[in-house]
């Protein structure tokens, strides 16, 4: 069943309300791909903050932090780099990468 634009926008808003940020983003972007001037899609997408769109799972943060805390900077850096590919806006990962580079003398 194909959804019309109004149905997609309602589904996107419902996804955002239930904190399914990625799904909401994809739905808003699908509307904008066909209708770049659609105000509801533009406003909906703008309402999704980058932090919400790039929520790093807690277990991944804990895994990187555990490696870093143990002093295994190379492994922490490797894991953080892998995660950055999937979560490029993660403030946590960028901060920990800075600390890792500093600890390794790569300022």
N, C-alpha and C. Protein backbone atom coordinates (compact mmCIF):
# COMPACT_ATOMS: atom_id res chain seq x y z
N UNK A 1 0.84 -1.18 0.00
CA UNK A 1 0.00 0.00 0.00
C UNK A 1 0.89 1.24 0.00
N UNK A 2 0.66 2.12 -0.95
CA UNK A 2 1.42 3.36 -1.03
C UNK A 2 0.74 4.43 -0.18
N UNK A 3 1.55 5.18 0.53
CA UNK A 3 1.03 6.26 1.36
C UNK A 3 1.11 7.57 0.60
N UNK A 4 0.14 8.44 0.82
CA UNK A 4 0.24 9.77 0.21
C UNK A 4 1.07 10.65 1.13
N UNK A 5 1.37 11.85 0.66
CA UNK A 5 2.27 12.75 1.40
C UNK A 5 1.73 13.05 2.80
N UNK A 6 0.44 13.32 2.89
CA UNK A 6 -0.14 13.63 4.20
C UNK A 6 0.01 12.45 5.17
N UNK A 7 -0.20 11.25 4.68
CA UNK A 7 -0.05 10.06 5.53
C UNK A 7 1.40 9.87 5.96
N UNK A 8 2.32 10.12 5.05
CA UNK A 8 3.75 10.00 5.40
C UNK A 8 4.12 11.02 6.47
N UNK A 9 3.64 12.24 6.32
CA UNK A 9 3.94 13.28 7.30
C UNK A 9 3.34 12.97 8.66
N UNK A 10 2.13 12.43 8.68
CA UNK A 10 1.52 12.02 9.95
C UNK A 10 2.32 10.89 10.59
N UNK A 11 2.77 9.95 9.76
CA UNK A 11 3.56 8.83 10.28
C UNK A 11 4.90 9.34 10.82
N UNK A 12 5.51 10.30 10.12
CA UNK A 12 6.77 10.88 10.58
C UNK A 12 6.60 11.58 11.92
N UNK A 13 5.52 12.36 12.05
CA UNK A 13 5.25 13.06 13.30
C UNK A 13 5.01 12.07 14.44
N UNK A 14 4.29 10.99 14.15
CA UNK A 14 4.05 9.96 15.17
C UNK A 14 5.36 9.28 15.57
N UNK A 15 6.22 9.04 14.60
CA UNK A 15 7.52 8.43 14.89
C UNK A 15 8.35 9.34 15.78
N UNK A 16 8.36 10.62 15.47
CA UNK A 16 9.11 11.58 16.29
C UNK A 16 8.55 11.63 17.70
N UNK A 17 7.23 11.62 17.81
CA UNK A 17 6.60 11.69 19.13
C UNK A 17 6.94 10.46 19.96
N UNK A 18 7.10 9.30 19.31
CA UNK A 18 7.45 8.08 20.05
C UNK A 18 8.96 7.85 20.08
N UNK A 19 9.72 8.92 19.80
CA UNK A 19 11.18 8.93 19.90
C UNK A 19 11.88 7.97 18.95
N UNK A 20 11.25 7.71 17.83
CA UNK A 20 11.88 6.92 16.77
C UNK A 20 12.45 7.91 15.76
N UNK A 21 13.54 8.56 16.19
CA UNK A 21 14.11 9.69 15.46
C UNK A 21 14.54 9.33 14.05
N UNK A 22 15.23 8.21 13.88
CA UNK A 22 15.73 7.83 12.55
C UNK A 22 14.58 7.61 11.58
N UNK A 23 13.55 6.91 12.03
CA UNK A 23 12.40 6.66 11.16
C UNK A 23 11.74 7.98 10.76
N UNK A 24 11.57 8.87 11.72
CA UNK A 24 10.97 10.17 11.43
C UNK A 24 11.82 10.93 10.42
N UNK A 25 13.13 10.93 10.62
CA UNK A 25 14.02 11.62 9.70
C UNK A 25 13.89 11.05 8.29
N UNK A 26 13.90 9.73 8.16
CA UNK A 26 13.81 9.10 6.84
C UNK A 26 12.48 9.46 6.16
N UNK A 27 11.41 9.46 6.92
CA UNK A 27 10.11 9.80 6.34
C UNK A 27 10.07 11.25 5.87
N UNK A 28 10.54 12.18 6.70
CA UNK A 28 10.57 13.58 6.30
C UNK A 28 11.45 13.77 5.06
N UNK A 29 12.60 13.11 5.05
CA UNK A 29 13.50 13.24 3.89
C UNK A 29 12.88 12.64 2.63
N UNK A 30 12.10 11.57 2.78
CA UNK A 30 11.46 10.98 1.59
C UNK A 30 10.46 11.95 0.97
N UNK A 31 9.77 12.71 1.80
CA UNK A 31 8.85 13.72 1.28
C UNK A 31 9.63 14.83 0.61
N UNK A 32 10.70 15.29 1.27
CA UNK A 32 11.49 16.39 0.71
C UNK A 32 12.20 16.00 -0.58
N UNK A 33 12.50 14.72 -0.75
CA UNK A 33 13.14 14.28 -1.99
C UNK A 33 12.21 14.50 -3.19
N UNK A 34 10.92 14.34 -2.97
CA UNK A 34 9.94 14.53 -4.05
C UNK A 34 9.37 15.94 -4.09
N UNK A 35 9.27 16.55 -2.89
CA UNK A 35 8.67 17.87 -2.76
C UNK A 35 9.55 18.75 -1.88
N UNK A 36 10.66 19.27 -2.43
CA UNK A 36 11.63 20.02 -1.62
C UNK A 36 11.06 21.23 -0.90
N UNK A 37 9.98 21.79 -1.38
CA UNK A 37 9.41 22.99 -0.75
C UNK A 37 8.33 22.67 0.28
N UNK A 38 8.11 21.41 0.59
CA UNK A 38 7.05 21.05 1.53
C UNK A 38 7.40 21.58 2.92
N UNK A 39 6.61 22.56 3.37
CA UNK A 39 6.88 23.23 4.65
C UNK A 39 6.74 22.28 5.85
N UNK A 40 5.73 21.42 5.83
CA UNK A 40 5.54 20.51 6.97
C UNK A 40 6.73 19.57 7.11
N UNK A 41 7.24 19.08 5.99
CA UNK A 41 8.40 18.19 6.05
C UNK A 41 9.64 18.95 6.50
N UNK A 42 9.82 20.17 5.99
CA UNK A 42 10.97 20.99 6.39
C UNK A 42 10.95 21.27 7.88
N UNK A 43 9.79 21.70 8.36
CA UNK A 43 9.66 22.02 9.79
C UNK A 43 9.80 20.78 10.66
N UNK A 44 9.23 19.67 10.20
CA UNK A 44 9.36 18.42 10.95
C UNK A 44 10.80 17.98 11.07
N UNK A 45 11.53 18.07 9.96
CA UNK A 45 12.94 17.68 9.97
C UNK A 45 13.75 18.62 10.86
N UNK A 46 13.45 19.91 10.80
CA UNK A 46 14.16 20.87 11.65
C UNK A 46 13.89 20.64 13.12
N UNK A 47 12.72 20.10 13.44
CA UNK A 47 12.39 19.87 14.84
C UNK A 47 13.17 18.71 15.46
N UNK A 48 13.77 17.91 14.59
CA UNK A 48 14.57 16.79 15.08
C UNK A 48 15.99 17.29 15.28
N UNK A 49 16.41 17.40 16.53
CA UNK A 49 17.75 17.92 16.80
C UNK A 49 18.80 16.89 16.40
N UNK A 50 20.00 17.33 16.04
CA UNK A 50 21.07 16.38 15.69
C UNK A 50 21.36 15.38 16.81
N UNK A 51 21.26 15.82 18.05
CA UNK A 51 21.52 14.90 19.16
C UNK A 51 20.51 13.75 19.16
N UNK A 52 19.27 14.07 18.85
CA UNK A 52 18.25 13.03 18.81
C UNK A 52 18.48 12.08 17.64
N UNK A 53 18.95 12.63 16.54
CA UNK A 53 19.16 11.80 15.35
C UNK A 53 20.36 10.89 15.48
N UNK A 54 21.23 11.19 16.38
CA UNK A 54 22.43 10.39 16.49
C UNK A 54 22.63 9.89 17.90
N UNK A 55 21.70 9.15 18.39
CA UNK A 55 21.77 8.62 19.74
C UNK A 55 22.59 7.34 19.74
N UNK A 56 23.73 7.41 20.38
CA UNK A 56 24.63 6.26 20.49
C UNK A 56 24.11 5.36 21.61
N UNK A 57 23.92 4.07 21.33
CA UNK A 57 23.44 3.17 22.38
C UNK A 57 24.36 3.17 23.61
N UNK A 58 23.75 3.11 24.78
CA UNK A 58 24.50 3.17 26.03
C UNK A 58 25.54 2.06 26.13
N UNK A 59 25.22 0.87 25.64
CA UNK A 59 26.19 -0.24 25.74
C UNK A 59 27.43 0.03 24.90
N UNK A 60 27.28 0.74 23.79
CA UNK A 60 28.44 1.10 22.98
C UNK A 60 29.30 2.14 23.69
N UNK A 61 28.64 3.12 24.31
CA UNK A 61 29.40 4.11 25.08
C UNK A 61 30.16 3.45 26.21
N UNK A 62 29.50 2.54 26.92
CA UNK A 62 30.14 1.86 28.04
C UNK A 62 31.32 1.01 27.58
N UNK A 63 31.18 0.37 26.43
CA UNK A 63 32.27 -0.48 25.92
C UNK A 63 33.50 0.37 25.60
N UNK A 64 33.30 1.49 24.94
CA UNK A 64 34.42 2.38 24.60
C UNK A 64 35.03 2.94 25.88
N UNK A 65 34.19 3.38 26.80
CA UNK A 65 34.69 3.95 28.04
C UNK A 65 35.45 2.92 28.87
N UNK A 66 35.00 1.67 28.87
CA UNK A 66 35.69 0.62 29.62
C UNK A 66 37.09 0.40 29.05
N UNK A 67 37.22 0.36 27.74
CA UNK A 67 38.53 0.20 27.11
C UNK A 67 39.43 1.39 27.45
N UNK A 68 38.87 2.58 27.36
CA UNK A 68 39.63 3.78 27.67
C UNK A 68 40.07 3.78 29.13
N UNK A 69 39.17 3.42 30.03
CA UNK A 69 39.47 3.41 31.47
C UNK A 69 40.55 2.40 31.82
N UNK A 70 40.59 1.30 31.10
CA UNK A 70 41.62 0.27 31.33
C UNK A 70 42.98 0.70 30.77
N UNK A 71 42.98 1.78 30.01
CA UNK A 71 44.22 2.24 29.41
C UNK A 71 44.50 1.62 28.06
N UNK A 72 43.55 0.87 27.53
CA UNK A 72 43.72 0.25 26.21
C UNK A 72 43.26 1.25 25.16
N UNK A 73 44.10 2.28 24.96
CA UNK A 73 43.73 3.39 24.10
C UNK A 73 43.61 2.98 22.64
N UNK A 74 44.47 2.07 22.19
CA UNK A 74 44.40 1.63 20.80
C UNK A 74 43.06 0.94 20.52
N UNK A 75 42.65 0.04 21.41
CA UNK A 75 41.38 -0.67 21.22
C UNK A 75 40.20 0.29 21.36
N UNK A 76 40.29 1.22 22.31
CA UNK A 76 39.22 2.21 22.48
C UNK A 76 39.10 3.07 21.23
N UNK A 77 40.23 3.46 20.68
CA UNK A 77 40.23 4.26 19.45
C UNK A 77 39.67 3.50 18.27
N UNK A 78 40.02 2.24 18.17
CA UNK A 78 39.50 1.41 17.08
C UNK A 78 37.98 1.29 17.17
N UNK A 79 37.49 0.97 18.36
CA UNK A 79 36.04 0.81 18.55
C UNK A 79 35.32 2.13 18.34
N UNK A 80 35.87 3.21 18.85
CA UNK A 80 35.24 4.52 18.67
C UNK A 80 35.21 4.92 17.20
N UNK A 81 36.27 4.62 16.47
CA UNK A 81 36.31 4.91 15.02
C UNK A 81 35.23 4.13 14.28
N UNK A 82 35.07 2.88 14.63
CA UNK A 82 34.02 2.06 14.00
C UNK A 82 32.64 2.65 14.28
N UNK A 83 32.43 3.06 15.52
CA UNK A 83 31.14 3.63 15.90
C UNK A 83 30.89 4.98 15.24
N UNK A 84 31.96 5.76 15.03
CA UNK A 84 31.82 7.06 14.38
C UNK A 84 31.30 6.93 12.96
N UNK A 85 31.59 5.82 12.30
CA UNK A 85 31.08 5.62 10.95
C UNK A 85 29.56 5.58 10.95
N UNK A 86 28.99 5.00 12.00
CA UNK A 86 27.54 4.89 12.10
C UNK A 86 26.91 6.07 12.84
N UNK A 87 27.71 6.75 13.67
CA UNK A 87 27.20 7.85 14.50
C UNK A 87 28.12 9.07 14.37
N UNK A 88 28.16 9.67 13.18
CA UNK A 88 29.13 10.76 12.95
C UNK A 88 28.89 12.02 13.78
N UNK A 89 27.72 12.18 14.36
CA UNK A 89 27.43 13.38 15.16
C UNK A 89 27.49 13.13 16.66
N UNK A 90 28.02 12.00 17.07
CA UNK A 90 28.07 11.66 18.48
C UNK A 90 29.10 12.52 19.21
N UNK A 91 28.61 13.36 20.09
CA UNK A 91 29.50 14.22 20.88
C UNK A 91 30.41 13.36 21.75
N UNK A 92 29.85 12.32 22.36
CA UNK A 92 30.64 11.42 23.20
C UNK A 92 31.83 10.85 22.42
N UNK A 93 31.57 10.33 21.22
CA UNK A 93 32.65 9.71 20.46
C UNK A 93 33.72 10.70 20.05
N UNK A 94 33.33 11.90 19.67
CA UNK A 94 34.33 12.91 19.31
C UNK A 94 35.16 13.32 20.52
N UNK A 95 34.50 13.42 21.66
CA UNK A 95 35.25 13.77 22.88
C UNK A 95 36.23 12.68 23.27
N UNK A 96 35.77 11.43 23.24
CA UNK A 96 36.65 10.34 23.64
C UNK A 96 37.78 10.17 22.62
N UNK A 97 37.51 10.42 21.34
CA UNK A 97 38.58 10.34 20.34
C UNK A 97 39.65 11.40 20.63
N UNK A 98 39.21 12.59 21.04
CA UNK A 98 40.17 13.63 21.40
C UNK A 98 41.03 13.20 22.58
N UNK A 99 40.40 12.61 23.59
CA UNK A 99 41.14 12.15 24.76
C UNK A 99 42.09 11.02 24.40
N UNK A 100 41.65 10.14 23.52
CA UNK A 100 42.51 9.02 23.09
C UNK A 100 43.72 9.56 22.33
N UNK A 101 43.49 10.46 21.40
CA UNK A 101 44.62 11.03 20.64
C UNK A 101 45.59 11.76 21.57
N UNK A 102 45.04 12.46 22.53
CA UNK A 102 45.90 13.16 23.48
C UNK A 102 46.72 12.15 24.28
N UNK A 103 46.06 11.08 24.74
CA UNK A 103 46.76 10.05 25.51
C UNK A 103 47.83 9.34 24.72
N UNK A 104 47.63 9.25 23.41
CA UNK A 104 48.61 8.61 22.54
C UNK A 104 49.66 9.59 22.01
N UNK A 105 49.54 10.85 22.45
CA UNK A 105 50.52 11.86 22.03
C UNK A 105 50.29 12.36 20.61
N UNK A 106 49.10 12.19 20.09
CA UNK A 106 48.76 12.63 18.73
C UNK A 106 47.84 13.85 18.79
N UNK A 107 48.40 14.94 19.25
CA UNK A 107 47.58 16.14 19.40
C UNK A 107 47.46 16.86 18.08
